[in-house]
Amino acid sequence: MVSLTCDTTTAGEATLVTLSLSSDEPTHVRVDNCLDGPVWPPREQGVPAAGWDDEGFAGVVDGTLALGYACPADPADPPARLVDQRPPTDEETPTARSLVRELGDASPPQDAIGPDTGTRLPDADDSETDTVPPGVDDWLDGVTQRLADADRLAGATSVDEAIEAIDAVGGPEEVRTLPDRLAADRAALTAVAERCATLADRAEAVDLPVETLARLA
């Protein structure tokens, strides 16, 4: 039996949807978007990631599968629903070696990391992290780890190294979901960056007349 949990975040005129699917055994699923608009799926090299279309996602879940997409529509409850689940075919059941053959270039998709604009995630030893609130710091640490996992997979130069890297990051299913989670990270980082830039501008523009207020008091 597959369970599905959903969460939404508003970013401008779009809604970001985060999905978590869980199953005790390999199961082929179909998840449809319930928002009043098309799915903007995570993309790999300019095309939708495997399993995605304009209406949702279809693929195999074995354990926990994290997914994320955006939609140009208002939030709804629920934002997505599980419409099909069945045993996967032999071709759909992932193995480490078959995943190595599928991966090709395992570097993070451009949609997940964005263009090089000079903005970067802080390293673990960055002094800047001292000023980041703990909850935000934990989230950034998670994004940093996912990028490190992608770098490790991309750095494998042989099948044996790739299999070792896949095991190190949690197994084939973790690798399959990594592009989706990085794409969700990208969307969230973009939304947060825009909000932070607006708030930073407002904070910089504030000029409180402290001395005048003190005299009035």
N, C-alpha and C. Protein backbone atom coordinates (compact mmCIF):
# COMPACT_ATOMS: atom_id res chain seq x y z
N MET A 1 0.84 -1.19 0.00
CA MET A 1 0.00 0.00 0.00
C MET A 1 0.88 1.24 0.00
N VAL A 2 0.58 2.17 -0.88
CA VAL A 2 1.37 3.38 -1.01
C VAL A 2 0.67 4.52 -0.27
N SER A 3 1.43 5.30 0.50
CA SER A 3 0.88 6.49 1.15
C SER A 3 1.45 7.73 0.48
N LEU A 4 0.66 8.80 0.46
CA LEU A 4 1.07 10.05 -0.17
C LEU A 4 0.78 11.21 0.77
N THR A 5 1.80 12.04 1.00
CA THR A 5 1.61 13.27 1.74
C THR A 5 2.02 14.44 0.85
N CYS A 6 1.33 15.57 0.99
CA CYS A 6 1.56 16.72 0.12
C CYS A 6 1.76 17.98 0.96
N ASP A 7 2.51 18.90 0.41
CA ASP A 7 2.69 20.20 1.05
C ASP A 7 2.79 21.24 -0.06
N THR A 8 2.33 22.47 0.20
CA THR A 8 2.38 23.52 -0.81
C THR A 8 3.00 24.78 -0.24
N THR A 9 3.65 25.54 -1.11
CA THR A 9 4.20 26.85 -0.78
C THR A 9 3.89 27.79 -1.94
N THR A 10 3.46 28.99 -1.64
CA THR A 10 3.17 29.97 -2.68
C THR A 10 4.43 30.75 -3.01
N ALA A 11 4.74 30.86 -4.30
CA ALA A 11 5.89 31.63 -4.77
C ALA A 11 5.44 32.49 -5.93
N GLY A 12 5.17 33.78 -5.65
CA GLY A 12 4.66 34.65 -6.69
C GLY A 12 3.29 34.19 -7.14
N GLU A 13 3.12 33.98 -8.45
CA GLU A 13 1.84 33.53 -8.98
C GLU A 13 1.78 32.01 -9.14
N ALA A 14 2.78 31.32 -8.64
CA ALA A 14 2.83 29.86 -8.75
C ALA A 14 2.72 29.21 -7.38
N THR A 15 2.33 27.95 -7.39
CA THR A 15 2.31 27.14 -6.18
C THR A 15 3.34 26.03 -6.32
N LEU A 16 4.22 25.91 -5.32
CA LEU A 16 5.20 24.84 -5.30
C LEU A 16 4.63 23.68 -4.50
N VAL A 17 4.64 22.51 -5.10
CA VAL A 17 4.06 21.32 -4.47
C VAL A 17 5.17 20.32 -4.15
N THR A 18 5.24 19.90 -2.91
CA THR A 18 6.18 18.88 -2.48
C THR A 18 5.42 17.62 -2.11
N LEU A 19 5.83 16.51 -2.68
CA LEU A 19 5.15 15.22 -2.47
C LEU A 19 6.11 14.24 -1.82
N SER A 20 5.57 13.40 -0.96
CA SER A 20 6.35 12.30 -0.37
C SER A 20 5.52 11.03 -0.47
N LEU A 21 6.04 10.06 -1.22
CA LEU A 21 5.38 8.77 -1.39
C LEU A 21 6.14 7.72 -0.60
N SER A 22 5.42 6.81 0.01
CA SER A 22 6.05 5.78 0.82
C SER A 22 5.40 4.43 0.53
N SER A 23 6.25 3.39 0.37
CA SER A 23 5.75 2.04 0.10
C SER A 23 6.71 1.03 0.68
N ASP A 24 6.17 -0.07 1.21
CA ASP A 24 7.01 -1.13 1.79
C ASP A 24 7.60 -2.05 0.72
N GLU A 25 7.10 -1.94 -0.51
CA GLU A 25 7.60 -2.78 -1.58
C GLU A 25 7.53 -2.01 -2.90
N PRO A 26 8.33 -2.40 -3.90
CA PRO A 26 8.30 -1.67 -5.18
C PRO A 26 6.88 -1.64 -5.76
N THR A 27 6.42 -0.43 -6.08
CA THR A 27 5.07 -0.24 -6.60
C THR A 27 5.08 0.83 -7.68
N HIS A 28 4.44 0.54 -8.80
CA HIS A 28 4.28 1.56 -9.84
C HIS A 28 3.10 2.44 -9.46
N VAL A 29 3.31 3.76 -9.48
CA VAL A 29 2.26 4.68 -9.07
C VAL A 29 2.01 5.72 -10.16
N ARG A 30 0.84 6.32 -10.07
CA ARG A 30 0.50 7.48 -10.88
C ARG A 30 -0.07 8.54 -9.94
N VAL A 31 0.55 9.73 -9.94
CA VAL A 31 0.10 10.84 -9.11
C VAL A 31 -0.33 11.98 -10.04
N ASP A 32 -1.56 12.43 -9.90
CA ASP A 32 -2.08 13.51 -10.74
C ASP A 32 -2.16 14.82 -9.96
N ASN A 33 -1.87 15.91 -10.64
CA ASN A 33 -1.99 17.25 -10.08
C ASN A 33 -3.47 17.62 -9.94
N CYS A 34 -3.85 18.21 -8.80
CA CYS A 34 -5.24 18.63 -8.58
C CYS A 34 -5.42 20.14 -8.68
N LEU A 35 -4.33 20.88 -8.91
CA LEU A 35 -4.44 22.33 -9.01
C LEU A 35 -4.99 22.71 -10.39
N ASP A 36 -5.54 23.91 -10.47
CA ASP A 36 -6.20 24.36 -11.70
C ASP A 36 -5.16 24.98 -12.65
N GLY A 37 -4.27 24.13 -13.14
CA GLY A 37 -3.24 24.59 -14.05
C GLY A 37 -2.33 23.44 -14.42
N PRO A 38 -1.45 23.64 -15.40
CA PRO A 38 -0.56 22.56 -15.82
C PRO A 38 0.60 22.36 -14.84
N VAL A 39 1.15 21.17 -14.87
CA VAL A 39 2.33 20.87 -14.07
C VAL A 39 3.56 21.47 -14.73
N TRP A 40 4.35 22.20 -13.94
CA TRP A 40 5.70 22.61 -14.37
C TRP A 40 6.67 21.65 -13.68
N PRO A 41 7.10 20.60 -14.37
CA PRO A 41 7.88 19.55 -13.72
C PRO A 41 9.35 19.94 -13.59
N PRO A 42 10.09 19.20 -12.76
CA PRO A 42 11.55 19.36 -12.80
C PRO A 42 12.05 18.97 -14.18
N ARG A 43 13.13 19.61 -14.62
CA ARG A 43 13.62 19.38 -15.98
C ARG A 43 15.07 18.95 -15.93
N GLU A 44 15.44 18.14 -16.90
CA GLU A 44 16.81 17.67 -17.06
C GLU A 44 17.26 18.02 -18.47
N GLN A 45 18.30 18.86 -18.55
CA GLN A 45 18.83 19.27 -19.84
C GLN A 45 17.73 19.83 -20.75
N GLY A 46 16.85 20.63 -20.15
CA GLY A 46 15.83 21.34 -20.91
C GLY A 46 14.54 20.59 -21.18
N VAL A 47 14.44 19.33 -20.76
CA VAL A 47 13.22 18.55 -20.99
C VAL A 47 12.70 18.03 -19.65
N PRO A 48 11.38 17.72 -19.56
CA PRO A 48 10.85 17.20 -18.30
C PRO A 48 11.59 15.95 -17.84
N ALA A 49 11.83 15.85 -16.53
CA ALA A 49 12.49 14.67 -15.98
C ALA A 49 11.64 13.43 -16.22
N ALA A 50 12.29 12.28 -16.18
CA ALA A 50 11.61 11.01 -16.47
C ALA A 50 10.40 10.83 -15.57
N GLY A 51 9.29 10.42 -16.17
CA GLY A 51 8.08 10.12 -15.43
C GLY A 51 7.08 11.26 -15.37
N TRP A 52 7.49 12.47 -15.79
CA TRP A 52 6.61 13.64 -15.66
C TRP A 52 5.90 13.97 -16.97
N ASP A 53 4.67 14.51 -16.84
CA ASP A 53 3.97 15.08 -17.97
C ASP A 53 3.17 16.28 -17.46
N ASP A 54 2.29 16.84 -18.29
CA ASP A 54 1.54 18.04 -17.91
C ASP A 54 0.54 17.81 -16.78
N GLU A 55 0.23 16.55 -16.49
CA GLU A 55 -0.80 16.26 -15.49
C GLU A 55 -0.25 15.66 -14.21
N GLY A 56 1.02 15.19 -14.22
CA GLY A 56 1.55 14.61 -13.00
C GLY A 56 2.74 13.72 -13.25
N PHE A 57 2.87 12.69 -12.41
CA PHE A 57 4.05 11.82 -12.42
C PHE A 57 3.63 10.36 -12.40
N ALA A 58 4.40 9.53 -13.11
CA ALA A 58 4.23 8.08 -13.06
C ALA A 58 5.61 7.44 -12.94
N GLY A 59 5.75 6.52 -12.00
CA GLY A 59 7.03 5.85 -11.81
C GLY A 59 6.95 4.85 -10.68
N VAL A 60 8.09 4.31 -10.30
CA VAL A 60 8.16 3.27 -9.27
C VAL A 60 8.64 3.87 -7.95
N VAL A 61 7.93 3.55 -6.88
CA VAL A 61 8.36 3.94 -5.54
C VAL A 61 8.70 2.67 -4.77
N ASP A 62 9.85 2.70 -4.10
CA ASP A 62 10.30 1.57 -3.28
C ASP A 62 10.94 2.17 -2.03
N GLY A 63 10.19 2.21 -0.93
CA GLY A 63 10.65 2.95 0.24
C GLY A 63 10.01 4.32 0.23
N THR A 64 10.84 5.37 0.27
CA THR A 64 10.33 6.74 0.25
C THR A 64 10.79 7.45 -1.01
N LEU A 65 9.86 8.13 -1.66
CA LEU A 65 10.16 8.87 -2.88
C LEU A 65 9.71 10.31 -2.70
N ALA A 66 10.64 11.26 -2.84
CA ALA A 66 10.31 12.68 -2.72
C ALA A 66 10.22 13.30 -4.11
N LEU A 67 9.17 14.07 -4.34
CA LEU A 67 8.95 14.72 -5.63
C LEU A 67 8.59 16.18 -5.41
N GLY A 68 8.80 16.99 -6.43
CA GLY A 68 8.42 18.39 -6.33
C GLY A 68 8.14 18.96 -7.71
N TYR A 69 7.14 19.83 -7.78
CA TYR A 69 6.83 20.50 -9.04
C TYR A 69 6.17 21.84 -8.73
N ALA A 70 6.02 22.67 -9.75
CA ALA A 70 5.34 23.95 -9.61
C ALA A 70 4.12 23.96 -10.51
N CYS A 71 3.18 24.87 -10.20
CA CYS A 71 1.95 24.99 -11.01
C CYS A 71 1.48 26.44 -10.95
N PRO A 72 1.15 27.04 -12.11
CA PRO A 72 0.67 28.43 -12.13
C PRO A 72 -0.80 28.51 -11.73
N ALA A 73 -1.08 28.20 -10.47
CA ALA A 73 -2.46 28.18 -9.98
C ALA A 73 -2.45 28.36 -8.47
N ASP A 74 -3.60 28.68 -7.91
CA ASP A 74 -3.73 28.82 -6.46
C ASP A 74 -3.65 27.44 -5.79
N PRO A 75 -3.25 27.40 -4.51
CA PRO A 75 -3.22 26.12 -3.79
C PRO A 75 -4.61 25.49 -3.71
N ALA A 76 -4.64 24.18 -3.53
CA ALA A 76 -5.89 23.45 -3.33
C ALA A 76 -5.62 22.34 -2.33
N ASP A 77 -6.69 21.79 -1.78
CA ASP A 77 -6.56 20.72 -0.80
C ASP A 77 -7.40 19.52 -1.25
N PRO A 78 -6.78 18.43 -1.68
CA PRO A 78 -5.33 18.24 -1.75
C PRO A 78 -4.77 18.81 -3.04
N PRO A 79 -3.45 19.09 -3.09
CA PRO A 79 -2.85 19.59 -4.33
C PRO A 79 -2.60 18.48 -5.36
N ALA A 80 -2.52 17.25 -4.89
CA ALA A 80 -2.28 16.11 -5.79
C ALA A 80 -2.92 14.86 -5.19
N ARG A 81 -3.17 13.87 -6.05
CA ARG A 81 -3.80 12.64 -5.56
C ARG A 81 -3.20 11.42 -6.25
N LEU A 82 -3.19 10.32 -5.52
CA LEU A 82 -2.70 9.04 -6.03
C LEU A 82 -3.84 8.38 -6.80
N VAL A 83 -3.65 8.17 -8.11
CA VAL A 83 -4.74 7.64 -8.93
C VAL A 83 -4.51 6.20 -9.37
N ASP A 84 -3.30 5.69 -9.17
CA ASP A 84 -3.04 4.31 -9.60
C ASP A 84 -1.85 3.76 -8.83
N GLN A 85 -1.91 2.50 -8.46
CA GLN A 85 -0.78 1.78 -7.87
C GLN A 85 -0.90 0.31 -8.23
N ARG A 86 0.21 -0.26 -8.66
CA ARG A 86 0.21 -1.66 -9.09
C ARG A 86 1.64 -2.19 -9.05
N PRO A 87 1.83 -3.51 -9.07
CA PRO A 87 3.19 -4.06 -9.09
C PRO A 87 3.93 -3.60 -10.34
N PRO A 88 5.21 -3.26 -10.20
CA PRO A 88 5.98 -2.84 -11.38
C PRO A 88 6.35 -4.02 -12.24
N THR A 89 6.62 -3.77 -13.50
CA THR A 89 7.16 -4.81 -14.38
C THR A 89 8.63 -5.00 -14.05
N ASP A 90 9.22 -6.07 -14.57
CA ASP A 90 10.64 -6.33 -14.32
C ASP A 90 11.51 -5.18 -14.81
N GLU A 91 11.11 -4.58 -15.92
CA GLU A 91 11.91 -3.49 -16.48
C GLU A 91 11.87 -2.25 -15.61
N GLU A 92 10.81 -2.11 -14.77
CA GLU A 92 10.66 -0.91 -13.95
C GLU A 92 11.35 -1.01 -12.61
N THR A 93 11.73 -2.24 -12.18
CA THR A 93 12.36 -2.41 -10.88
C THR A 93 13.82 -2.00 -10.95
N PRO A 94 14.24 -0.95 -10.20
CA PRO A 94 15.60 -0.44 -10.32
C PRO A 94 16.63 -1.34 -9.65
N THR A 95 17.81 -1.45 -10.25
CA THR A 95 18.97 -2.08 -9.64
C THR A 95 20.13 -1.11 -9.78
N ALA A 96 21.18 -1.32 -9.02
CA ALA A 96 22.32 -0.41 -9.07
C ALA A 96 22.94 -0.37 -10.45
N ARG A 97 23.17 -1.53 -11.07
CA ARG A 97 23.83 -1.54 -12.38
C ARG A 97 22.94 -0.98 -13.48
N SER A 98 21.63 -1.28 -13.42
CA SER A 98 20.76 -0.72 -14.45
C SER A 98 20.68 0.79 -14.30
N LEU A 99 20.75 1.27 -13.05
CA LEU A 99 20.71 2.71 -12.84
C LEU A 99 21.96 3.37 -13.38
N VAL A 100 23.12 2.73 -13.22
CA VAL A 100 24.36 3.27 -13.77
C VAL A 100 24.24 3.42 -15.28
N ARG A 101 23.64 2.43 -15.94
CA ARG A 101 23.49 2.51 -17.39
C ARG A 101 22.54 3.65 -17.77
N GLU A 102 21.51 3.88 -16.94
CA GLU A 102 20.54 4.92 -17.25
C GLU A 102 21.07 6.32 -17.03
N LEU A 103 21.93 6.49 -16.01
CA LEU A 103 22.25 7.83 -15.56
C LEU A 103 22.97 8.68 -16.59
N GLY A 104 23.95 8.11 -17.26
CA GLY A 104 24.75 8.93 -18.17
C GLY A 104 25.44 10.01 -17.38
N ASP A 105 25.20 11.28 -17.72
CA ASP A 105 25.75 12.41 -17.00
C ASP A 105 24.95 12.59 -15.72
N ALA A 106 25.59 12.31 -14.59
CA ALA A 106 24.88 12.37 -13.31
C ALA A 106 25.03 13.71 -12.62
N SER A 107 25.57 14.71 -13.31
CA SER A 107 25.69 16.03 -12.71
C SER A 107 24.32 16.64 -12.50
N PRO A 108 24.16 17.56 -11.52
CA PRO A 108 22.84 18.13 -11.26
C PRO A 108 22.28 18.84 -12.47
N PRO A 109 20.96 18.70 -12.75
CA PRO A 109 20.37 19.41 -13.89
C PRO A 109 20.44 20.90 -13.67
N GLN A 110 20.52 21.66 -14.79
CA GLN A 110 20.63 23.10 -14.69
C GLN A 110 19.45 23.72 -13.96
N ASP A 111 18.26 23.11 -14.11
CA ASP A 111 17.09 23.63 -13.40
C ASP A 111 17.26 23.54 -11.89
N ALA A 112 18.10 22.59 -11.45
CA ALA A 112 18.27 22.42 -10.01
C ALA A 112 19.28 23.39 -9.43
N ILE A 113 20.31 23.74 -10.21
CA ILE A 113 21.37 24.57 -9.65
C ILE A 113 21.34 25.98 -10.19
N GLY A 114 20.64 26.21 -11.31
CA GLY A 114 20.48 27.55 -11.82
C GLY A 114 21.72 28.05 -12.51
N PRO A 115 21.65 29.22 -13.20
CA PRO A 115 22.80 29.79 -13.85
C PRO A 115 23.80 30.29 -12.85
N ASP A 116 25.04 30.46 -13.27
CA ASP A 116 26.09 30.95 -12.40
C ASP A 116 25.96 32.46 -12.28
N THR A 117 25.31 32.90 -11.21
CA THR A 117 25.10 34.33 -11.01
C THR A 117 25.96 34.86 -9.88
N GLY A 118 26.88 34.01 -9.39
CA GLY A 118 27.71 34.45 -8.29
C GLY A 118 27.12 34.09 -6.94
N THR A 119 25.88 33.61 -6.91
CA THR A 119 25.24 33.22 -5.67
C THR A 119 25.54 31.76 -5.39
N ARG A 120 25.88 31.43 -4.15
CA ARG A 120 26.20 30.05 -3.83
C ARG A 120 25.65 29.73 -2.46
N LEU A 121 25.51 28.44 -2.22
CA LEU A 121 25.15 28.00 -0.88
C LEU A 121 26.37 28.07 0.01
N PRO A 122 26.22 28.43 1.27
CA PRO A 122 27.37 28.51 2.15
C PRO A 122 27.93 27.13 2.44
N ASP A 123 29.25 27.02 2.48
CA ASP A 123 29.90 25.79 2.90
C ASP A 123 29.71 25.62 4.40
N ALA A 124 29.96 24.39 4.85
CA ALA A 124 29.73 24.10 6.27
C ALA A 124 30.60 24.96 7.17
N ASP A 125 31.83 25.37 6.68
CA ASP A 125 32.73 26.14 7.52
C ASP A 125 32.66 27.63 7.23
N ASP A 126 31.66 28.07 6.47
CA ASP A 126 31.50 29.49 6.14
C ASP A 126 31.19 30.27 7.40
N SER A 127 31.90 31.37 7.62
CA SER A 127 31.61 32.20 8.77
C SER A 127 30.24 32.83 8.67
N GLU A 128 29.71 32.96 7.41
CA GLU A 128 28.40 33.56 7.23
C GLU A 128 27.30 32.75 7.88
N THR A 129 27.51 31.44 8.07
CA THR A 129 26.46 30.61 8.66
C THR A 129 26.20 30.99 10.10
N ASP A 130 27.13 31.73 10.74
CA ASP A 130 26.92 32.13 12.13
C ASP A 130 25.73 33.06 12.26
N THR A 131 25.37 33.78 11.18
CA THR A 131 24.27 34.74 11.25
C THR A 131 22.98 34.17 10.69
N VAL A 132 22.98 32.92 10.24
CA VAL A 132 21.78 32.31 9.67
C VAL A 132 20.99 31.64 10.79
N PRO A 133 19.67 31.90 10.90
CA PRO A 133 18.86 31.26 11.93
C PRO A 133 18.96 29.74 11.83
N PRO A 134 18.89 29.03 12.97
CA PRO A 134 19.10 27.57 12.98
C PRO A 134 18.21 26.81 12.01
N GLY A 135 16.91 27.13 11.95
CA GLY A 135 16.03 26.40 11.05
C GLY A 135 16.41 26.57 9.60
N VAL A 136 16.75 27.79 9.21
CA VAL A 136 17.18 28.05 7.84
C VAL A 136 18.52 27.37 7.58
N ASP A 137 19.41 27.42 8.57
CA ASP A 137 20.72 26.79 8.43
C ASP A 137 20.57 25.29 8.20
N ASP A 138 19.64 24.64 8.92
CA ASP A 138 19.42 23.20 8.75
C ASP A 138 18.93 22.90 7.34
N TRP A 139 18.01 23.74 6.84
CA TRP A 139 17.50 23.54 5.48
C TRP A 139 18.61 23.70 4.45
N LEU A 140 19.44 24.74 4.61
CA LEU A 140 20.55 24.95 3.68
C LEU A 140 21.56 23.80 3.76
N ASP A 141 21.76 23.25 4.96
CA ASP A 141 22.64 22.09 5.10
C ASP A 141 22.10 20.91 4.29
N GLY A 142 20.76 20.74 4.30
CA GLY A 142 20.17 19.66 3.53
C GLY A 142 20.37 19.85 2.03
N VAL A 143 20.19 21.08 1.55
CA VAL A 143 20.43 21.37 0.14
C VAL A 143 21.89 21.14 -0.21
N THR A 144 22.79 21.60 0.68
CA THR A 144 24.23 21.42 0.44
C THR A 144 24.58 19.94 0.34
N GLN A 145 23.96 19.11 1.20
CA GLN A 145 24.24 17.67 1.16
C GLN A 145 23.76 17.05 -0.14
N ARG A 146 22.58 17.48 -0.60
CA ARG A 146 22.06 16.93 -1.86
C ARG A 146 22.95 17.31 -3.04
N LEU A 147 23.47 18.53 -3.02
CA LEU A 147 24.40 18.94 -4.07
C LEU A 147 25.70 18.15 -3.98
N ALA A 148 26.16 17.88 -2.76
CA ALA A 148 27.37 17.08 -2.58
C ALA A 148 27.15 15.66 -3.09
N ASP A 149 25.95 15.10 -2.84
CA ASP A 149 25.64 13.77 -3.36
C ASP A 149 25.67 13.76 -4.89
N ALA A 150 25.10 14.82 -5.50
CA ALA A 150 25.12 14.91 -6.96
C ALA A 150 26.54 15.02 -7.48
N ASP A 151 27.38 15.80 -6.80
CA ASP A 151 28.78 15.93 -7.21
C ASP A 151 29.50 14.58 -7.13
N ARG A 152 29.20 13.82 -6.07
CA ARG A 152 29.85 12.52 -5.90
C ARG A 152 29.45 11.57 -7.03
N LEU A 153 28.18 11.57 -7.37
CA LEU A 153 27.72 10.72 -8.46
C LEU A 153 28.32 11.15 -9.79
N ALA A 154 28.40 12.46 -10.00
CA ALA A 154 28.97 12.96 -11.25
C ALA A 154 30.45 12.66 -11.38
N GLY A 155 31.14 12.51 -10.24
CA GLY A 155 32.58 12.28 -10.26
C GLY A 155 32.98 10.83 -10.49
N ALA A 156 31.99 9.91 -10.50
CA ALA A 156 32.31 8.50 -10.73
C ALA A 156 32.80 8.29 -12.16
N THR A 157 33.91 7.58 -12.32
CA THR A 157 34.49 7.38 -13.65
C THR A 157 34.43 5.93 -14.11
N SER A 158 33.86 5.05 -13.31
CA SER A 158 33.72 3.65 -13.69
C SER A 158 32.44 3.11 -13.09
N VAL A 159 32.00 1.95 -13.57
CA VAL A 159 30.79 1.34 -13.04
C VAL A 159 30.94 1.05 -11.56
N ASP A 160 32.11 0.50 -11.17
CA ASP A 160 32.31 0.19 -9.75
C ASP A 160 32.25 1.44 -8.88
N GLU A 161 32.87 2.53 -9.35
CA GLU A 161 32.81 3.78 -8.59
C GLU A 161 31.39 4.31 -8.53
N ALA A 162 30.66 4.19 -9.63
CA ALA A 162 29.28 4.66 -9.65
C ALA A 162 28.41 3.86 -8.68
N ILE A 163 28.58 2.54 -8.65
CA ILE A 163 27.81 1.71 -7.73
C ILE A 163 28.15 2.07 -6.29
N GLU A 164 29.44 2.32 -6.02
CA GLU A 164 29.86 2.72 -4.67
C GLU A 164 29.23 4.06 -4.30
N ALA A 165 29.21 5.00 -5.26
CA ALA A 165 28.61 6.31 -5.00
C ALA A 165 27.11 6.18 -4.76
N ILE A 166 26.44 5.33 -5.54
CA ILE A 166 25.00 5.13 -5.36
C ILE A 166 24.70 4.58 -3.97
N ASP A 167 25.50 3.60 -3.52
CA ASP A 167 25.33 3.05 -2.18
C ASP A 167 25.56 4.13 -1.12
N ALA A 168 26.56 5.00 -1.35
CA ALA A 168 26.91 6.02 -0.37
C ALA A 168 25.81 7.05 -0.18
N VAL A 169 25.06 7.33 -1.25
CA VAL A 169 24.01 8.35 -1.13
C VAL A 169 22.65 7.75 -0.76
N GLY A 170 22.59 6.43 -0.58
CA GLY A 170 21.36 5.82 -0.08
C GLY A 170 20.70 4.81 -0.98
N GLY A 171 21.30 4.49 -2.14
CA GLY A 171 20.73 3.46 -3.00
C GLY A 171 20.12 4.01 -4.27
N PRO A 172 19.71 3.12 -5.18
CA PRO A 172 19.18 3.53 -6.49
C PRO A 172 17.99 4.47 -6.42
N GLU A 173 17.06 4.23 -5.49
CA GLU A 173 15.88 5.08 -5.44
C GLU A 173 16.22 6.49 -5.00
N GLU A 174 17.20 6.61 -4.11
CA GLU A 174 17.65 7.95 -3.70
C GLU A 174 18.23 8.70 -4.89
N VAL A 175 18.97 7.99 -5.73
CA VAL A 175 19.55 8.64 -6.92
C VAL A 175 18.45 9.04 -7.89
N ARG A 176 17.46 8.19 -8.06
CA ARG A 176 16.36 8.51 -8.98
C ARG A 176 15.62 9.77 -8.53
N THR A 177 15.46 9.96 -7.23
CA THR A 177 14.69 11.10 -6.73
C THR A 177 15.54 12.36 -6.58
N LEU A 178 16.86 12.22 -6.66
CA LEU A 178 17.74 13.36 -6.43
C LEU A 178 17.47 14.53 -7.38
N PRO A 179 17.33 14.31 -8.70
CA PRO A 179 17.04 15.45 -9.59
C PRO A 179 15.74 16.15 -9.22
N ASP A 180 14.71 15.39 -8.83
CA ASP A 180 13.44 16.00 -8.45
C ASP A 180 13.61 16.86 -7.19
N ARG A 181 14.36 16.32 -6.21
CA ARG A 181 14.54 17.07 -4.97
C ARG A 181 15.40 18.31 -5.20
N LEU A 182 16.40 18.21 -6.08
CA LEU A 182 17.21 19.39 -6.40
C LEU A 182 16.38 20.43 -7.14
N ALA A 183 15.49 19.98 -8.01
CA ALA A 183 14.61 20.92 -8.71
C ALA A 183 13.69 21.63 -7.72
N ALA A 184 13.16 20.87 -6.74
CA ALA A 184 12.33 21.49 -5.70
C ALA A 184 13.15 22.46 -4.87
N ASP A 185 14.41 22.09 -4.59
CA ASP A 185 15.31 22.99 -3.87
C ASP A 185 15.51 24.28 -4.66
N ARG A 186 15.71 24.14 -5.97
CA ARG A 186 15.93 25.32 -6.81
C ARG A 186 14.74 26.25 -6.74
N ALA A 187 13.53 25.70 -6.84
CA ALA A 187 12.32 26.52 -6.80
C ALA A 187 12.20 27.22 -5.45
N ALA A 188 12.46 26.47 -4.38
CA ALA A 188 12.36 27.05 -3.04
C ALA A 188 13.43 28.11 -2.83
N LEU A 189 14.66 27.83 -3.26
CA LEU A 189 15.74 28.81 -3.10
C LEU A 189 15.44 30.09 -3.87
N THR A 190 14.89 29.95 -5.06
CA THR A 190 14.55 31.13 -5.86
C THR A 190 13.50 31.97 -5.15
N ALA A 191 12.45 31.30 -4.64
CA ALA A 191 11.38 32.02 -3.95
C ALA A 191 11.91 32.71 -2.70
N VAL A 192 12.74 31.99 -1.93
CA VAL A 192 13.30 32.56 -0.70
C VAL A 192 14.24 33.71 -1.02
N ALA A 193 15.06 33.56 -2.07
CA ALA A 193 16.00 34.61 -2.44
C ALA A 193 15.27 35.89 -2.81
N GLU A 194 14.16 35.75 -3.57
CA GLU A 194 13.39 36.93 -3.96
C GLU A 194 12.78 37.61 -2.73
N ARG A 195 12.25 36.81 -1.81
CA ARG A 195 11.65 37.38 -0.60
C ARG A 195 12.73 38.04 0.27
N CYS A 196 13.89 37.40 0.40
CA CYS A 196 14.98 37.95 1.20
C CYS A 196 15.50 39.25 0.60
N ALA A 197 15.59 39.31 -0.74
CA ALA A 197 16.08 40.52 -1.38
C ALA A 197 15.13 41.69 -1.10
N THR A 198 13.82 41.43 -1.17
CA THR A 198 12.83 42.47 -0.89
C THR A 198 12.94 42.94 0.55
N LEU A 199 13.02 41.99 1.48
CA LEU A 199 13.11 42.36 2.90
C LEU A 199 14.43 43.07 3.20
N ALA A 200 15.51 42.64 2.56
CA ALA A 200 16.81 43.30 2.79
C ALA A 200 16.78 44.74 2.31
N ASP A 201 16.14 44.99 1.16
CA ASP A 201 16.01 46.36 0.66
C ASP A 201 15.20 47.21 1.63
N ARG A 202 14.12 46.64 2.16
CA ARG A 202 13.30 47.39 3.12
C ARG A 202 14.07 47.68 4.40
N ALA A 203 14.82 46.67 4.86
CA ALA A 203 15.60 46.86 6.09
C ALA A 203 16.68 47.92 5.91
N GLU A 204 17.29 47.94 4.73
CA GLU A 204 18.34 48.93 4.47
C GLU A 204 17.76 50.33 4.36
N ALA A 205 16.52 50.44 3.89
CA ALA A 205 15.91 51.75 3.69
C ALA A 205 15.32 52.34 4.96
N VAL A 206 15.15 51.51 5.99
CA VAL A 206 14.55 51.99 7.23
C VAL A 206 15.49 53.00 7.91
N ASP A 207 14.95 54.13 8.30
CA ASP A 207 15.72 55.16 9.01
C ASP A 207 14.89 55.63 10.19
N LEU A 208 14.99 54.93 11.30
CA LEU A 208 14.19 55.27 12.47
C LEU A 208 14.73 56.53 13.16
N PRO A 209 13.89 57.49 13.44
CA PRO A 209 14.33 58.70 14.17
C PRO A 209 14.43 58.42 15.66
N VAL A 210 15.43 57.62 16.03
CA VAL A 210 15.53 57.14 17.42
C VAL A 210 15.64 58.29 18.40
N GLU A 211 16.49 59.27 18.11
CA GLU A 211 16.69 60.38 19.06
C GLU A 211 15.41 61.19 19.23
N THR A 212 14.71 61.43 18.10
CA THR A 212 13.46 62.18 18.18
C THR A 212 12.42 61.42 19.00
N LEU A 213 12.31 60.12 18.76
CA LEU A 213 11.35 59.32 19.52
C LEU A 213 11.70 59.29 21.00
N ALA A 214 13.01 59.28 21.30
CA ALA A 214 13.44 59.27 22.70
C ALA A 214 13.05 60.57 23.38
N ARG A 215 13.16 61.70 22.68
CA ARG A 215 12.77 62.99 23.29
C ARG A 215 11.25 63.04 23.54
N LEU A 216 10.50 62.47 22.58
CA LEU A 216 9.05 62.46 22.73
C LEU A 216 8.62 61.60 23.90
N ALA A 217 9.37 60.54 24.14
CA ALA A 217 9.04 59.68 25.26
C ALA A 217 9.30 60.38 26.57
